[in-house]
Amino acid sequence: MAVAMAVDALIGWPPALFARIGHPVTWLGRLINLLDRSWNRDADAPSFRRVAGVAAAIMVIALAVAIGWAVQSALAPGWVRVGLVGVLAWPLVALRSLHDHVGAVANPLVSGDISAARLAVAQIVGRDPATLDGAGIARASIESLAENASDGIVAPVFWGALFGLPGILGYKAINTLDSMIGHRTKRHEAFGWAAARIDDLANLVPARLTGLLFALLAPNRSRAWSCMLRDAYRHRSPNAGWPESAMAGALEVRLSGPRIYHGHVADEPWLNEGARDPAAADILAGLKLYRRAMMLLAGVFVALALL
């Protein structure tokens, strides 16, 4: 997993490669979309659609795990296998992509270009960017950085460190299922029920580990730690509140709070309520903390491998 993180940090997933073959997550997405269109029928009863969603989730996860197991089993043990598994796991780690997308918000916001910052933040969050001022843009990007550090890097490499390719592929299947069908909408309330619950379970430890990394490396560790322990459970998600509240305490800003999705106000509670609103400089500070946290995680993997 340290090899996967290092390769991704160096080159990411090149656009030319994406244009030619796509990405493993898009391959999973095609299968999930096919099952959603075929098995999630409006005419069926909600109970039947829930059962169909359970079956779809099990099928996608089992297939991903089986592919990972078959490939890993075919490799001879030793350091060569370590390197090969790391390279094969590299596309499943979004370390550089997350950094670049959040940085793309910070750069125009620093220069005062609100329009460009809104366009950039729309690539990483679902809220209406037209309603966001400078503080709202900074808040949205910092929240995305904290949450996706868990979902996009820590969680996949955590499961990869435990189980290798089957672990990281299985997790990416779970996370992709949740992102595509795990929504509380009329169409996916029943069909995506299993996907959402499995994703919550798979992120239980990684989300708390991500919060711990942020708190350990924060300029004011006690503030980040106390904010995480106090506010993590206030978040609507059972997991996202941990890295987000740790980041809020580390940067000494308030995050979450009310926001607008598709014209509707979501009245979310504040994390680190009473602190100041974030600004462009806080996105840069958050990125610095993110880099340090990911370096520490990779260093822990290297130490464990050598031991």
Protein backbone atom coordinates (compact mmCIF):
# COMPACT_ATOMS: atom_id res chain seq x y z
CA MET A 1 0.00 0.00 0.00
CA ALA A 2 2.97 2.32 0.56
CA VAL A 3 4.06 1.56 -3.01
CA ALA A 4 0.56 2.37 -4.30
CA MET A 5 0.54 5.67 -2.41
CA ALA A 6 4.00 6.60 -3.68
CA VAL A 7 3.17 5.86 -7.33
CA ASP A 8 -0.09 7.80 -7.14
CA ALA A 9 1.58 10.75 -5.42
CA LEU A 10 4.17 10.90 -8.20
CA ILE A 11 2.01 10.53 -11.31
CA GLY A 12 -1.66 10.25 -10.32
CA TRP A 13 -3.87 8.69 -13.00
CA PRO A 14 -2.67 10.28 -16.27
CA PRO A 15 -5.44 11.84 -18.42
CA ALA A 16 -4.09 10.07 -21.50
CA LEU A 17 -4.44 6.73 -19.75
CA PHE A 18 -7.95 7.59 -18.62
CA ALA A 19 -8.91 8.57 -22.16
CA ARG A 20 -7.59 5.28 -23.50
CA ILE A 21 -8.83 2.72 -20.94
CA GLY A 22 -10.93 4.63 -18.42
CA HIS A 23 -10.41 3.78 -14.75
CA PRO A 24 -11.22 0.75 -12.54
CA VAL A 25 -13.89 2.79 -10.73
CA THR A 26 -15.60 3.61 -14.04
CA TRP A 27 -15.54 -0.10 -14.91
CA LEU A 28 -17.26 -0.87 -11.62
CA GLY A 29 -19.66 1.98 -12.31
CA ARG A 30 -20.78 0.44 -15.59
CA LEU A 31 -21.67 -2.81 -13.86
CA ILE A 32 -23.52 -1.01 -11.05
CA ASN A 33 -25.41 1.11 -13.56
CA LEU A 34 -26.41 -2.01 -15.50
CA LEU A 35 -27.74 -3.69 -12.35
CA ASP A 36 -29.53 -0.49 -11.31
CA ARG A 37 -31.32 -0.25 -14.66
CA SER A 38 -32.12 -3.97 -14.79
CA TRP A 39 -33.04 -4.80 -11.19
CA ASN A 40 -34.31 -1.51 -9.74
CA ARG A 41 -37.75 -1.33 -11.33
CA ASP A 42 -40.26 1.34 -10.34
CA ALA A 43 -43.13 -1.13 -10.59
CA ASP A 44 -41.69 -3.45 -7.92
CA ALA A 45 -42.56 -3.20 -4.25
CA PRO A 46 -40.00 -1.48 -1.99
CA SER A 47 -39.33 -4.74 -0.14
CA PHE A 48 -38.49 -6.51 -3.38
CA ARG A 49 -36.28 -3.62 -4.51
CA ARG A 50 -34.40 -3.78 -1.20
CA VAL A 51 -33.73 -7.49 -1.70
CA ALA A 52 -32.61 -6.80 -5.27
CA GLY A 53 -30.27 -4.10 -3.96
CA VAL A 54 -28.76 -6.52 -1.44
CA ALA A 55 -28.16 -9.03 -4.23
CA ALA A 56 -26.63 -6.36 -6.48
CA ALA A 57 -24.27 -5.18 -3.74
CA ILE A 58 -23.15 -8.72 -2.91
CA MET A 59 -22.57 -9.50 -6.60
CA VAL A 60 -20.44 -6.41 -7.27
CA ILE A 61 -18.38 -6.77 -4.08
CA ALA A 62 -17.88 -10.51 -4.53
CA LEU A 63 -16.76 -10.05 -8.13
CA ALA A 64 -14.25 -7.35 -7.16
CA VAL A 65 -12.84 -9.45 -4.30
CA ALA A 66 -12.63 -12.55 -6.51
CA ILE A 67 -10.70 -10.68 -9.21
CA GLY A 68 -8.30 -9.29 -6.63
CA TRP A 69 -7.79 -12.71 -5.05
CA ALA A 70 -7.20 -14.42 -8.42
CA VAL A 71 -4.62 -11.85 -9.53
CA GLN A 72 -2.80 -11.76 -6.20
CA SER A 73 -2.72 -15.57 -5.95
CA ALA A 74 -1.06 -15.78 -9.35
CA LEU A 75 1.92 -13.70 -8.19
CA ALA A 76 4.95 -15.36 -6.64
CA PRO A 77 5.54 -14.31 -3.01
CA GLY A 78 8.35 -11.94 -2.11
CA TRP A 79 9.31 -8.32 -2.68
CA VAL A 80 8.54 -8.55 -6.40
CA ARG A 81 4.95 -9.39 -5.50
CA VAL A 82 4.90 -6.45 -3.08
CA GLY A 83 5.88 -4.12 -5.90
CA LEU A 84 3.43 -5.62 -8.39
CA VAL A 85 0.52 -5.52 -5.96
CA GLY A 86 1.41 -1.92 -5.16
CA VAL A 87 1.35 -0.96 -8.84
CA LEU A 88 -1.93 -2.81 -9.39
CA ALA A 89 -3.43 -1.06 -6.34
CA TRP A 90 -2.19 2.37 -7.46
CA PRO A 91 -5.28 3.29 -9.56
CA LEU A 92 -7.47 2.68 -6.51
CA VAL A 93 -5.75 5.38 -4.43
CA ALA A 94 -6.92 8.95 -5.14
CA LEU A 95 -4.15 10.72 -3.24
CA ARG A 96 -2.93 13.08 -5.96
CA SER A 97 -6.34 13.56 -7.57
CA LEU A 98 -7.86 14.82 -4.33
CA HIS A 99 -4.96 17.19 -3.73
CA ASP A 100 -5.17 18.58 -7.28
CA HIS A 101 -8.94 19.07 -7.20
CA VAL A 102 -8.88 20.90 -3.86
CA GLY A 103 -5.85 22.93 -4.95
CA ALA A 104 -7.78 23.95 -8.05
CA VAL A 105 -10.30 25.63 -5.74
CA ALA A 106 -7.70 27.34 -3.56
CA ASN A 107 -5.70 28.95 -6.37
CA PRO A 108 -8.46 31.13 -7.90
CA LEU A 109 -9.92 31.86 -4.47
CA VAL A 110 -6.56 33.21 -3.28
CA SER A 111 -6.50 35.58 -6.26
CA GLY A 112 -10.11 36.65 -5.65
CA ASP A 113 -11.62 34.94 -8.70
CA ILE A 114 -14.89 33.75 -7.12
CA SER A 115 -16.40 32.57 -10.44
CA ALA A 116 -13.46 30.27 -11.20
CA ALA A 117 -13.44 29.01 -7.61
CA ARG A 118 -17.15 28.18 -7.87
CA LEU A 119 -16.54 26.23 -11.07
CA ALA A 120 -13.71 24.31 -9.39
CA VAL A 121 -15.61 23.52 -6.21
CA ALA A 122 -18.56 22.23 -8.25
CA GLN A 123 -16.28 19.39 -9.37
CA ILE A 124 -15.92 18.02 -5.83
CA VAL A 125 -19.17 18.83 -3.97
CA GLY A 126 -22.85 18.42 -4.71
CA ARG A 127 -24.14 21.67 -3.23
CA ASP A 128 -25.23 24.57 -5.45
CA PRO A 129 -22.02 26.56 -6.15
CA ALA A 130 -23.94 29.67 -7.22
CA THR A 131 -25.09 30.14 -3.61
CA LEU A 132 -21.56 30.01 -2.17
CA ASP A 133 -19.54 33.07 -1.20
CA GLY A 134 -15.81 32.92 -0.51
CA ALA A 135 -16.26 31.40 2.94
CA GLY A 136 -18.77 28.88 1.60
CA ILE A 137 -16.39 27.81 -1.16
CA ALA A 138 -13.54 27.41 1.31
CA ARG A 139 -15.77 25.48 3.71
CA ALA A 140 -17.02 23.12 1.00
CA SER A 141 -13.54 22.36 -0.31
CA ILE A 142 -12.08 21.75 3.17
CA GLU A 143 -14.97 19.43 4.05
CA SER A 144 -14.45 17.54 0.80
CA LEU A 145 -10.71 17.28 1.50
CA ALA A 146 -11.30 15.86 4.98
CA GLU A 147 -14.05 13.40 4.03
CA ASN A 148 -12.39 12.18 0.84
CA ALA A 149 -9.05 11.75 2.58
CA SER A 150 -10.86 8.99 4.44
CA ASP A 151 -12.96 7.55 1.60
CA GLY A 152 -10.42 8.01 -1.19
CA ILE A 153 -7.11 7.17 0.48
CA VAL A 154 -7.14 5.96 4.08
CA ALA A 155 -10.01 3.49 3.72
CA PRO A 156 -8.79 1.75 0.54
CA VAL A 157 -5.19 1.42 1.77
CA PHE A 158 -6.43 0.31 5.21
CA TRP A 159 -8.33 -2.59 3.68
CA GLY A 160 -5.51 -3.18 1.22
CA ALA A 161 -2.99 -3.38 4.06
CA LEU A 162 -5.15 -6.02 5.73
CA PHE A 163 -6.08 -8.14 2.70
CA GLY A 164 -4.08 -6.95 -0.31
CA LEU A 165 -5.76 -6.62 -3.70
CA PRO A 166 -8.98 -8.36 -2.56
CA GLY A 167 -9.27 -5.84 0.28
CA ILE A 168 -8.67 -2.68 -1.73
CA LEU A 169 -10.79 -3.83 -4.69
CA GLY A 170 -13.59 -4.92 -2.38
CA TYR A 171 -13.56 -1.55 -0.65
CA LYS A 172 -13.63 0.38 -3.93
CA ALA A 173 -16.62 -1.69 -5.00
CA ILE A 174 -18.38 -0.82 -1.74
CA ASN A 175 -17.58 2.87 -2.01
CA THR A 176 -18.62 3.07 -5.66
CA LEU A 177 -21.90 1.32 -4.88
CA ASP A 178 -22.61 3.87 -2.16
CA SER A 179 -21.72 6.86 -4.35
CA MET A 180 -23.98 5.64 -7.17
CA ILE A 181 -27.01 4.09 -5.45
CA GLY A 182 -26.63 4.74 -1.71
CA HIS A 183 -28.80 7.86 -1.75
CA ARG A 184 -32.04 8.58 0.08
CA THR A 185 -33.97 9.37 -3.07
CA LYS A 186 -37.24 7.94 -4.28
CA ARG A 187 -35.41 5.69 -6.73
CA HIS A 188 -32.65 4.46 -4.42
CA GLU A 189 -34.16 4.55 -0.93
CA ALA A 190 -34.84 0.81 -1.07
CA PHE A 191 -32.45 -0.43 -3.76
CA GLY A 192 -29.44 1.40 -2.29
CA TRP A 193 -30.19 0.53 1.34
CA ALA A 194 -27.61 -2.26 1.51
CA ALA A 195 -24.95 -0.26 -0.34
CA ALA A 196 -25.22 2.62 2.13
CA ARG A 197 -25.13 0.37 5.21
CA ILE A 198 -22.16 -1.65 3.97
CA ASP A 199 -20.26 1.56 3.17
CA ASP A 200 -20.92 2.89 6.67
CA LEU A 201 -19.49 -0.31 8.14
CA ALA A 202 -16.46 -0.39 5.83
CA ASN A 203 -15.54 3.22 6.76
CA LEU A 204 -16.04 2.84 10.51
CA VAL A 205 -12.36 2.37 11.38
CA PRO A 206 -10.75 4.34 8.49
CA ALA A 207 -12.77 7.49 9.23
CA ARG A 208 -11.63 7.50 12.84
CA LEU A 209 -8.08 6.73 11.78
CA THR A 210 -8.14 9.72 9.41
CA GLY A 211 -9.39 11.97 12.19
CA LEU A 212 -6.62 10.66 14.43
CA LEU A 213 -3.97 11.43 11.80
CA PHE A 214 -5.26 15.00 11.43
CA ALA A 215 -5.41 15.50 15.19
CA LEU A 216 -1.91 14.12 15.76
CA LEU A 217 -0.37 16.44 13.16
CA ALA A 218 -2.47 19.56 13.87
CA PRO A 219 -0.66 22.74 14.95
CA ASN A 220 -2.83 22.65 18.08
CA ARG A 221 -3.33 18.94 18.79
CA SER A 222 -5.47 19.42 21.88
CA ARG A 223 -7.92 21.70 20.04
CA ALA A 224 -8.24 19.30 17.10
CA TRP A 225 -8.65 16.31 19.41
CA SER A 226 -11.29 17.95 21.60
CA CYS A 227 -13.23 19.21 18.58
CA MET A 228 -13.24 15.74 17.03
CA LEU A 229 -14.43 14.03 20.20
CA ARG A 230 -17.08 16.69 20.83
CA ASP A 231 -18.51 17.22 17.34
CA ALA A 232 -17.97 14.02 15.34
CA TYR A 233 -21.34 12.62 16.37
CA ARG A 234 -23.16 15.82 15.36
CA HIS A 235 -22.55 15.13 11.69
CA ARG A 236 -25.32 13.48 9.65
CA SER A 237 -22.86 10.75 8.62
CA PRO A 238 -21.69 8.21 11.21
CA ASN A 239 -18.18 8.46 9.76
CA ALA A 240 -17.53 11.74 7.92
CA GLY A 241 -17.84 13.76 11.12
CA TRP A 242 -14.55 12.34 12.44
CA PRO A 243 -12.12 13.66 9.81
CA GLU A 244 -14.19 16.82 9.23
CA SER A 245 -14.37 17.82 12.90
CA ALA A 246 -10.68 17.02 13.39
CA MET A 247 -9.87 19.23 10.40
CA ALA A 248 -12.14 21.99 11.73
CA GLY A 249 -10.34 21.94 15.08
CA ALA A 250 -6.91 21.74 13.47
CA LEU A 251 -7.58 24.81 11.29
CA GLU A 252 -9.60 26.57 14.01
CA VAL A 253 -12.53 27.20 11.64
CA ARG A 254 -16.16 26.14 11.58
CA LEU A 255 -17.32 23.59 9.00
CA SER A 256 -20.59 21.97 7.89
CA GLY A 257 -23.64 24.07 8.78
CA PRO A 258 -26.63 24.87 6.51
CA ARG A 259 -26.12 24.44 2.77
CA ILE A 260 -28.26 24.30 -0.39
CA TYR A 261 -28.71 21.21 -2.55
CA HIS A 262 -30.80 21.53 -5.72
CA GLY A 263 -32.72 24.49 -4.32
CA HIS A 264 -33.41 22.90 -0.92
CA VAL A 265 -31.76 23.99 2.33
CA ALA A 266 -30.11 21.21 4.36
CA ASP A 267 -29.96 22.49 7.92
CA GLU A 268 -26.81 20.69 9.07
CA PRO A 269 -25.24 21.42 12.48
CA TRP A 270 -21.97 23.30 12.71
CA LEU A 271 -18.70 21.58 13.50
CA ASN A 272 -16.52 23.71 15.79
CA GLU A 273 -19.39 26.17 16.20
CA GLY A 274 -18.30 29.61 17.30
CA ALA A 275 -15.03 29.52 15.37
CA ARG A 276 -14.40 31.83 12.41
CA ASP A 277 -15.36 31.06 8.82
CA PRO A 278 -12.58 29.59 6.66
CA ALA A 279 -10.80 31.51 3.90
CA ALA A 280 -8.59 30.61 0.95
CA ALA A 281 -5.50 30.42 3.18
CA ASP A 282 -7.23 27.75 5.26
CA ILE A 283 -7.61 25.52 2.20
CA LEU A 284 -3.85 25.72 1.72
CA ALA A 285 -3.32 24.95 5.42
CA GLY A 286 -5.69 22.00 5.11
CA LEU A 287 -3.75 20.69 2.11
CA LYS A 288 -0.52 20.96 4.08
CA LEU A 289 -2.04 18.96 6.94
CA TYR A 290 -3.38 16.42 4.43
CA ARG A 291 0.07 15.95 2.88
CA ARG A 292 1.67 15.42 6.27
CA ALA A 293 -1.03 12.96 7.33
CA MET A 294 -0.66 10.88 4.18
CA MET A 295 3.14 10.86 4.55
CA LEU A 296 2.77 9.64 8.12
CA LEU A 297 0.37 6.89 7.03
CA ALA A 298 2.74 5.74 4.28
CA GLY A 299 5.61 5.81 6.75
CA VAL A 300 3.68 3.59 9.15
CA PHE A 301 3.07 1.11 6.32
CA VAL A 302 6.78 1.05 5.45
CA ALA A 303 7.73 0.48 9.09
CA LEU A 304 5.20 -2.33 9.44
CA ALA A 305 6.43 -3.94 6.20
CA LEU A 306 10.05 -3.86 7.31
CA LEU A 307 9.16 -5.26 10.72
